[in-house]
């Protein structure tokens, strides 16, 4: 497994958007926050994912002052 951290919402969405859209209803908050943050100049959010065998298994976002919001493959983690 490999943990990846992204410095911008744009980088995060390039890698994670299609994974999160597989269950868009469940991930609407993560997607909405990341899309909204694409326009921020001083984004202090944390964007991470975990990959295994070149596939995303877990994805998360934490905006400044808020809790971590996660989505992942529970069989793998």
PDB file of N, CA and C in Angstrom:
ATOM      1  N   UNK A   1       0.845  -1.184   0.000  1.00  0.00           N
ATOM      2  CA  UNK A   1       0.000   0.000   0.000  1.00  0.00           C
ATOM      3  C   UNK A   1       0.879   1.232   0.000  1.00  0.00           C
ATOM      4  N   UNK A   2       0.380   2.261  -0.629  1.00  0.00           N
ATOM      5  CA  UNK A   2       1.112   3.517  -0.706  1.00  0.00           C
ATOM      6  C   UNK A   2       0.162   4.668  -0.392  1.00  0.00           C
ATOM      7  N   UNK A   3       0.587   5.550   0.504  1.00  0.00           N
ATOM      8  CA  UNK A   3      -0.164   6.758   0.831  1.00  0.00           C
ATOM      9  C   UNK A   3       0.315   7.878  -0.080  1.00  0.00           C
ATOM     10  N   UNK A   4      -0.643   8.560  -0.723  1.00  0.00           N
ATOM     11  CA  UNK A   4      -0.301   9.713  -1.548  1.00  0.00           C
ATOM     12  C   UNK A   4      -0.989  10.948  -0.969  1.00  0.00           C
ATOM     13  N   UNK A   5      -0.257  12.044  -0.933  1.00  0.00           N
ATOM     14  CA  UNK A   5      -0.804  13.323  -0.468  1.00  0.00           C
ATOM     15  C   UNK A   5      -0.766  14.297  -1.631  1.00  0.00           C
ATOM     16  N   UNK A   6      -1.831  15.065  -1.770  1.00  0.00           N
ATOM     17  CA  UNK A   6      -1.948  16.041  -2.850  1.00  0.00           C
ATOM     18  C   UNK A   6      -1.913  17.446  -2.269  1.00  0.00           C
ATOM     19  N   UNK A   7      -1.269  18.353  -2.980  1.00  0.00           N
ATOM     20  CA  UNK A   7      -1.117  19.719  -2.489  1.00  0.00           C
ATOM     21  C   UNK A   7      -2.248  20.641  -2.936  1.00  0.00           C
ATOM     22  N   UNK A   8      -3.012  20.220  -3.943  1.00  0.00           N
ATOM     23  CA  UNK A   8      -4.133  21.044  -4.402  1.00  0.00           C
ATOM     24  C   UNK A   8      -5.350  20.163  -4.668  1.00  0.00           C
ATOM     25  N   UNK A   9      -6.496  20.796  -4.642  1.00  0.00           N
ATOM     26  CA  UNK A   9      -7.736  20.083  -4.954  1.00  0.00           C
ATOM     27  C   UNK A   9      -7.725  19.587  -6.395  1.00  0.00           C
ATOM     28  N   UNK A  10      -7.134  20.349  -7.282  1.00  0.00           N
ATOM     29  CA  UNK A  10      -7.070  19.948  -8.687  1.00  0.00           C
ATOM     30  C   UNK A  10      -6.287  18.647  -8.847  1.00  0.00           C
ATOM     31  N   UNK A  11      -5.120  18.556  -8.216  1.00  0.00           N
ATOM     32  CA  UNK A  11      -4.318  17.323  -8.269  1.00  0.00           C
ATOM     33  C   UNK A  11      -5.105  16.144  -7.700  1.00  0.00           C
ATOM     34  N   UNK A  12      -5.759  16.380  -6.585  1.00  0.00           N
ATOM     35  CA  UNK A  12      -6.548  15.336  -5.926  1.00  0.00           C
ATOM     36  C   UNK A  12      -7.666  14.840  -6.835  1.00  0.00           C
ATOM     37  N   UNK A  13      -8.385  15.770  -7.447  1.00  0.00           N
ATOM     38  CA  UNK A  13      -9.506  15.384  -8.298  1.00  0.00           C
ATOM     39  C   UNK A  13      -9.052  14.656  -9.556  1.00  0.00           C
ATOM     40  N   UNK A  14      -7.923  15.029 -10.108  1.00  0.00           N
ATOM     41  CA  UNK A  14      -7.419  14.329 -11.295  1.00  0.00           C
ATOM     42  C   UNK A  14      -7.288  12.837 -11.008  1.00  0.00           C
ATOM     43  N   UNK A  15      -6.796  12.496  -9.838  1.00  0.00           N
ATOM     44  CA  UNK A  15      -6.570  11.090  -9.488  1.00  0.00           C
ATOM     45  C   UNK A  15      -7.783  10.406  -8.856  1.00  0.00           C
ATOM     46  N   UNK A  16      -8.630  11.150  -8.150  1.00  0.00           N
ATOM     47  CA  UNK A  16      -9.675  10.535  -7.326  1.00  0.00           C
ATOM     48  C   UNK A  16     -11.105  10.742  -7.791  1.00  0.00           C
ATOM     49  N   UNK A  17     -11.347  11.665  -8.675  1.00  0.00           N
ATOM     50  CA  UNK A  17     -12.732  11.998  -9.040  1.00  0.00           C
ATOM     51  C   UNK A  17     -13.499  10.797  -9.593  1.00  0.00           C
ATOM     52  N   UNK A  18     -12.923  10.071 -10.522  1.00  0.00           N
ATOM     53  CA  UNK A  18     -13.653   8.937 -11.099  1.00  0.00           C
ATOM     54  C   UNK A  18     -13.888   7.838 -10.055  1.00  0.00           C
ATOM     55  N   UNK A  19     -12.923   7.633  -9.155  1.00  0.00           N
ATOM     56  CA  UNK A  19     -13.092   6.661  -8.068  1.00  0.00           C
ATOM     57  C   UNK A  19     -14.264   7.073  -7.167  1.00  0.00           C
ATOM     58  N   UNK A  20     -14.319   8.328  -6.790  1.00  0.00           N
ATOM     59  CA  UNK A  20     -15.380   8.815  -5.905  1.00  0.00           C
ATOM     60  C   UNK A  20     -16.738   8.850  -6.606  1.00  0.00           C
ATOM     61  N   UNK A  21     -16.742   9.090  -7.901  1.00  0.00           N
ATOM     62  CA  UNK A  21     -18.009   9.153  -8.644  1.00  0.00           C
ATOM     63  C   UNK A  21     -18.661   7.787  -8.813  1.00  0.00           C
ATOM     64  N   UNK A  22     -17.957   6.716  -8.550  1.00  0.00           N
ATOM     65  CA  UNK A  22     -18.562   5.380  -8.623  1.00  0.00           C
ATOM     66  C   UNK A  22     -19.726   5.260  -7.649  1.00  0.00           C
ATOM     67  N   UNK A  23     -19.631   5.974  -6.530  1.00  0.00           N
ATOM     68  CA  UNK A  23     -20.722   6.062  -5.559  1.00  0.00           C
ATOM     69  C   UNK A  23     -20.921   7.540  -5.232  1.00  0.00           C
ATOM     70  N   UNK A  24     -21.362   8.272  -6.234  1.00  0.00           N
ATOM     71  CA  UNK A  24     -21.456   9.729  -6.140  1.00  0.00           C
ATOM     72  C   UNK A  24     -22.369  10.203  -5.010  1.00  0.00           C
ATOM     73  N   UNK A  25     -23.446   9.501  -4.766  1.00  0.00           N
ATOM     74  CA  UNK A  25     -24.363   9.904  -3.700  1.00  0.00           C
ATOM     75  C   UNK A  25     -23.659   9.868  -2.347  1.00  0.00           C
ATOM     76  N   UNK A  26     -22.895   8.827  -2.107  1.00  0.00           N
ATOM     77  CA  UNK A  26     -22.171   8.696  -0.841  1.00  0.00           C
ATOM     78  C   UNK A  26     -21.052   9.728  -0.747  1.00  0.00           C
ATOM     79  N   UNK A  27     -20.410  10.021  -1.862  1.00  0.00           N
ATOM     80  CA  UNK A  27     -19.228  10.884  -1.874  1.00  0.00           C
ATOM     81  C   UNK A  27     -19.501  12.320  -2.294  1.00  0.00           C
ATOM     82  N   UNK A  28     -20.747  12.722  -2.303  1.00  0.00           N
ATOM     83  CA  UNK A  28     -21.079  14.072  -2.759  1.00  0.00           C
ATOM     84  C   UNK A  28     -20.422  15.161  -1.904  1.00  0.00           C
ATOM     85  N   UNK A  29     -20.266  14.934  -0.620  1.00  0.00           N
ATOM     86  CA  UNK A  29     -19.628  15.936   0.238  1.00  0.00           C
ATOM     87  C   UNK A  29     -18.145  16.079  -0.108  1.00  0.00           C
ATOM     88  N   UNK A  30     -17.442  14.959  -0.224  1.00  0.00           N
ATOM     89  CA  UNK A  30     -16.021  15.006  -0.581  1.00  0.00           C
ATOM     90  C   UNK A  30     -15.846  15.681  -1.938  1.00  0.00           C
ATOM     91  N   UNK A  31     -16.625  15.244  -2.917  1.00  0.00           N
ATOM     92  CA  UNK A  31     -16.517  15.819  -4.260  1.00  0.00           C
ATOM     93  C   UNK A  31     -16.853  17.305  -4.260  1.00  0.00           C
ATOM     94  N   UNK A  32     -17.918  17.680  -3.577  1.00  0.00           N
ATOM     95  CA  UNK A  32     -18.329  19.086  -3.534  1.00  0.00           C
ATOM     96  C   UNK A  32     -17.279  19.980  -2.896  1.00  0.00           C
ATOM     97  N   UNK A  33     -16.697  19.533  -1.800  1.00  0.00           N
ATOM     98  CA  UNK A  33     -15.657  20.325  -1.137  1.00  0.00           C
ATOM     99  C   UNK A  33     -14.421  20.469  -2.020  1.00  0.00           C
ATOM    100  N   UNK A  34     -14.002  19.372  -2.626  1.00  0.00           N
ATOM    101  CA  UNK A  34     -12.815  19.423  -3.484  1.00  0.00           C
ATOM    102  C   UNK A  34     -13.047  20.317  -4.699  1.00  0.00           C
ATOM    103  N   UNK A  35     -14.202  20.210  -5.313  1.00  0.00           N
ATOM    104  CA  UNK A  35     -14.511  21.052  -6.479  1.00  0.00           C
ATOM    105  C   UNK A  35     -14.555  22.522  -6.077  1.00  0.00           C
ATOM    106  N   UNK A  36     -15.163  22.824  -4.941  1.00  0.00           N
ATOM    107  CA  UNK A  36     -15.222  24.213  -4.469  1.00  0.00           C
ATOM    108  C   UNK A  36     -13.830  24.750  -4.144  1.00  0.00           C
ATOM    109  N   UNK A  37     -12.961  23.894  -3.646  1.00  0.00           N
ATOM    110  CA  UNK A  37     -11.611  24.322  -3.258  1.00  0.00           C
ATOM    111  C   UNK A  37     -10.679  24.538  -4.444  1.00  0.00           C
ATOM    112  N   UNK A  38     -11.063  24.095  -5.625  1.00  0.00           N
ATOM    113  CA  UNK A  38     -10.222  24.294  -6.807  1.00  0.00           C
ATOM    114  C   UNK A  38      -9.952  25.772  -7.055  1.00  0.00           C
ATOM    115  N   UNK A  39     -10.856  26.626  -6.665  1.00  0.00           N
ATOM    116  CA  UNK A  39     -10.732  28.066  -6.914  1.00  0.00           C
ATOM    117  C   UNK A  39     -10.002  28.816  -5.797  1.00  0.00           C
ATOM    118  N   UNK A  40      -9.770  28.167  -4.671  1.00  0.00           N
ATOM    119  CA  UNK A  40      -9.125  28.836  -3.537  1.00  0.00           C
ATOM    120  C   UNK A  40      -7.634  29.045  -3.797  1.00  0.00           C
ATOM    121  N   UNK A  41      -7.155  30.232  -3.451  1.00  0.00           N
ATOM    122  CA  UNK A  41      -5.737  30.536  -3.619  1.00  0.00           C
ATOM    123  C   UNK A  41      -4.902  30.021  -2.445  1.00  0.00           C
ATOM    124  N   UNK A  42      -5.456  30.041  -1.238  1.00  0.00           N
ATOM    125  CA  UNK A  42      -4.734  29.605  -0.046  1.00  0.00           C
ATOM    126  C   UNK A  42      -5.485  28.438   0.605  1.00  0.00           C
ATOM    127  N   UNK A  43      -5.534  27.322  -0.077  1.00  0.00           N
ATOM    128  CA  UNK A  43      -6.270  26.149   0.386  1.00  0.00           C
ATOM    129  C   UNK A  43      -5.425  25.391   1.410  1.00  0.00           C
ATOM    130  N   UNK A  44      -5.909  25.283   2.626  1.00  0.00           N
ATOM    131  CA  UNK A  44      -5.202  24.595   3.703  1.00  0.00           C
ATOM    132  C   UNK A  44      -5.735  23.174   3.930  1.00  0.00           C
ATOM    133  N   UNK A  45      -6.478  22.646   2.982  1.00  0.00           N
ATOM    134  CA  UNK A  45      -7.079  21.323   3.124  1.00  0.00           C
ATOM    135  C   UNK A  45      -6.047  20.219   2.951  1.00  0.00           C
ATOM    136  N   UNK A  46      -6.369  19.065   3.520  1.00  0.00           N
ATOM    137  CA  UNK A  46      -5.553  17.870   3.378  1.00  0.00           C
ATOM    138  C   UNK A  46      -6.261  16.936   2.401  1.00  0.00           C
ATOM    139  N   UNK A  47      -5.533  16.480   1.389  1.00  0.00           N
ATOM    140  CA  UNK A  47      -6.068  15.559   0.390  1.00  0.00           C
ATOM    141  C   UNK A  47      -5.153  14.337   0.347  1.00  0.00           C
ATOM    142  N   UNK A  48      -5.719  13.156   0.593  1.00  0.00           N
ATOM    143  CA  UNK A  48      -4.901  11.942   0.568  1.00  0.00           C
ATOM    144  C   UNK A  48      -5.671  10.787  -0.076  1.00  0.00           C
ATOM    145  N   UNK A  49      -4.922   9.803  -0.512  1.00  0.00           N
ATOM    146  CA  UNK A  49      -5.501   8.529  -0.898  1.00  0.00           C
ATOM    147  C   UNK A  49      -4.494   7.423  -0.604  1.00  0.00           C
ATOM    148  N   UNK A  50      -4.984   6.208  -0.642  1.00  0.00           N
ATOM    149  CA  UNK A  50      -4.127   5.041  -0.482  1.00  0.00           C
ATOM    150  C   UNK A  50      -4.358   4.157  -1.701  1.00  0.00           C
ATOM    151  N   UNK A  51      -3.264   3.745  -2.321  1.00  0.00           N
ATOM    152  CA  UNK A  51      -3.382   2.867  -3.475  1.00  0.00           C
ATOM    153  C   UNK A  51      -2.729   1.518  -3.178  1.00  0.00           C
ATOM    154  N   UNK A  52      -3.259   0.508  -3.819  1.00  0.00           N
ATOM    155  CA  UNK A  52      -2.695  -0.832  -3.746  1.00  0.00           C
ATOM    156  C   UNK A  52      -2.889  -1.463  -5.114  1.00  0.00           C
ATOM    157  N   UNK A  53      -1.837  -2.061  -5.645  1.00  0.00           N
ATOM    158  CA  UNK A  53      -1.894  -2.662  -6.979  1.00  0.00           C
ATOM    159  C   UNK A  53      -2.404  -1.668  -8.024  1.00  0.00           C
ATOM    160  N   UNK A  54      -1.949  -0.429  -7.895  1.00  0.00           N
ATOM    161  CA  UNK A  54      -2.265   0.661  -8.817  1.00  0.00           C
ATOM    162  C   UNK A  54      -3.744   1.051  -8.837  1.00  0.00           C
ATOM    163  N   UNK A  55      -4.487   0.673  -7.798  1.00  0.00           N
ATOM    164  CA  UNK A  55      -5.897   1.056  -7.675  1.00  0.00           C
ATOM    165  C   UNK A  55      -6.121   1.770  -6.355  1.00  0.00           C
ATOM    166  N   UNK A  56      -6.939   2.812  -6.395  1.00  0.00           N
ATOM    167  CA  UNK A  56      -7.271   3.550  -5.178  1.00  0.00           C
ATOM    168  C   UNK A  56      -8.144   2.669  -4.293  1.00  0.00           C
ATOM    169  N   UNK A  57      -7.777   2.579  -3.035  1.00  0.00           N
ATOM    170  CA  UNK A  57      -8.524   1.796  -2.055  1.00  0.00           C
ATOM    171  C   UNK A  57      -9.195   2.689  -1.008  1.00  0.00           C
ATOM    172  N   UNK A  58      -8.688   3.903  -0.851  1.00  0.00           N
ATOM    173  CA  UNK A  58      -9.138   4.798   0.210  1.00  0.00           C
ATOM    174  C   UNK A  58      -8.861   6.227  -0.229  1.00  0.00           C
ATOM    175  N   UNK A  59      -9.795   7.122   0.055  1.00  0.00           N
ATOM    176  CA  UNK A  59      -9.621   8.525  -0.301  1.00  0.00           C
ATOM    177  C   UNK A  59     -10.193   9.382   0.830  1.00  0.00           C
ATOM    178  N   UNK A  60      -9.548  10.530   1.083  1.00  0.00           N
ATOM    179  CA  UNK A  60      -9.999  11.367   2.193  1.00  0.00           C
ATOM    180  C   UNK A  60      -9.655  12.833   1.953  1.00  0.00           C
ATOM    181  N   UNK A  61     -10.442  13.688   2.599  1.00  0.00           N
ATOM    182  CA  UNK A  61     -10.219  15.128   2.564  1.00  0.00           C
ATOM    183  C   UNK A  61     -10.499  15.682   3.956  1.00  0.00           C
ATOM    184  N   UNK A  62      -9.698  16.663   4.354  1.00  0.00           N
ATOM    185  CA  UNK A  62      -9.958  17.388   5.601  1.00  0.00           C
ATOM    186  C   UNK A  62      -9.769  18.857   5.305  1.00  0.00           C
ATOM    187  N   UNK A  63     -10.848  19.609   5.404  1.00  0.00           N
ATOM    188  CA  UNK A  63     -10.754  21.047   5.226  1.00  0.00           C
ATOM    189  C   UNK A  63     -10.337  21.681   6.544  1.00  0.00           C
ATOM    190  N   UNK A  64      -9.783  22.866   6.469  1.00  0.00           N
ATOM    191  CA  UNK A  64      -9.253  23.557   7.650  1.00  0.00           C
ATOM    192  C   UNK A  64     -10.306  23.641   8.757  1.00  0.00           C
ATOM    193  N   UNK A  65      -9.928  23.178   9.938  1.00  0.00           N
ATOM    194  CA  UNK A  65     -10.800  23.271  11.104  1.00  0.00           C
ATOM    195  C   UNK A  65     -11.917  22.245  11.146  1.00  0.00           C
ATOM    196  N   UNK A  66     -11.917  21.279  10.253  1.00  0.00           N
ATOM    197  CA  UNK A  66     -12.993  20.276  10.202  1.00  0.00           C
ATOM    198  C   UNK A  66     -12.439  18.874  10.352  1.00  0.00           C
ATOM    199  N   UNK A  67     -13.328  17.902  10.489  1.00  0.00           N
ATOM    200  CA  UNK A  67     -12.939  16.498  10.616  1.00  0.00           C
ATOM    201  C   UNK A  67     -12.569  15.897   9.266  1.00  0.00           C
ATOM    202  N   UNK A  68     -11.833  14.814   9.310  1.00  0.00           N
ATOM    203  CA  UNK A  68     -11.470  14.067   8.121  1.00  0.00           C
ATOM    204  C   UNK A  68     -12.701  13.349   7.582  1.00  0.00           C
ATOM    205  N   UNK A  69     -12.935  13.459   6.288  1.00  0.00           N
ATOM    206  CA  UNK A  69     -14.042  12.773   5.623  1.00  0.00           C
ATOM    207  C   UNK A  69     -13.415  11.695   4.747  1.00  0.00           C
ATOM    208  N   UNK A  70     -13.860  10.463   4.914  1.00  0.00           N
ATOM    209  CA  UNK A  70     -13.201   9.340   4.249  1.00  0.00           C
ATOM    210  C   UNK A  70     -14.164   8.514   3.408  1.00  0.00           C
ATOM    211  N   UNK A  71     -13.581   7.817   2.464  1.00  0.00           N
ATOM    212  CA  UNK A  71     -14.308   6.827   1.681  1.00  0.00           C
ATOM    213  C   UNK A  71     -13.314   5.760   1.278  1.00  0.00           C
ATOM    214  N   UNK A  72     -13.693   4.499   1.392  1.00  0.00           N
ATOM    215  CA  UNK A  72     -12.755   3.468   0.994  1.00  0.00           C
ATOM    216  C   UNK A  72     -13.348   2.096   0.902  1.00  0.00           C
ATOM    217  N   UNK A  73     -12.514   1.201   0.428  1.00  0.00           N
ATOM    218  CA  UNK A  73     -12.832  -0.186   0.260  1.00  0.00           C
ATOM    219  C   UNK A  73     -12.581  -0.895   1.592  1.00  0.00           C
ATOM    220  N   UNK A  74     -13.611  -1.165   2.331  1.00  0.00           N
ATOM    221  CA  UNK A  74     -13.446  -1.728   3.676  1.00  0.00           C
ATOM    222  C   UNK A  74     -12.846  -3.133   3.675  1.00  0.00           C
ATOM    223  N   UNK A  75     -12.953  -3.873   2.591  1.00  0.00           N
ATOM    224  CA  UNK A  75     -12.353  -5.201   2.533  1.00  0.00           C
ATOM    225  C   UNK A  75     -10.838  -5.134   2.482  1.00  0.00           C
ATOM    226  N   UNK A  76     -10.299  -4.043   1.945  1.00  0.00           N
ATOM    227  CA  UNK A  76      -8.862  -3.909   1.781  1.00  0.00           C
ATOM    228  C   UNK A  76      -8.199  -3.322   3.014  1.00  0.00           C
ATOM    229  N   UNK A  77      -8.852  -2.389   3.672  1.00  0.00           N
ATOM    230  CA  UNK A  77      -8.211  -1.675   4.786  1.00  0.00           C
ATOM    231  C   UNK A  77      -8.500  -2.309   6.120  1.00  0.00           C
TER     232      UNK A  77
END
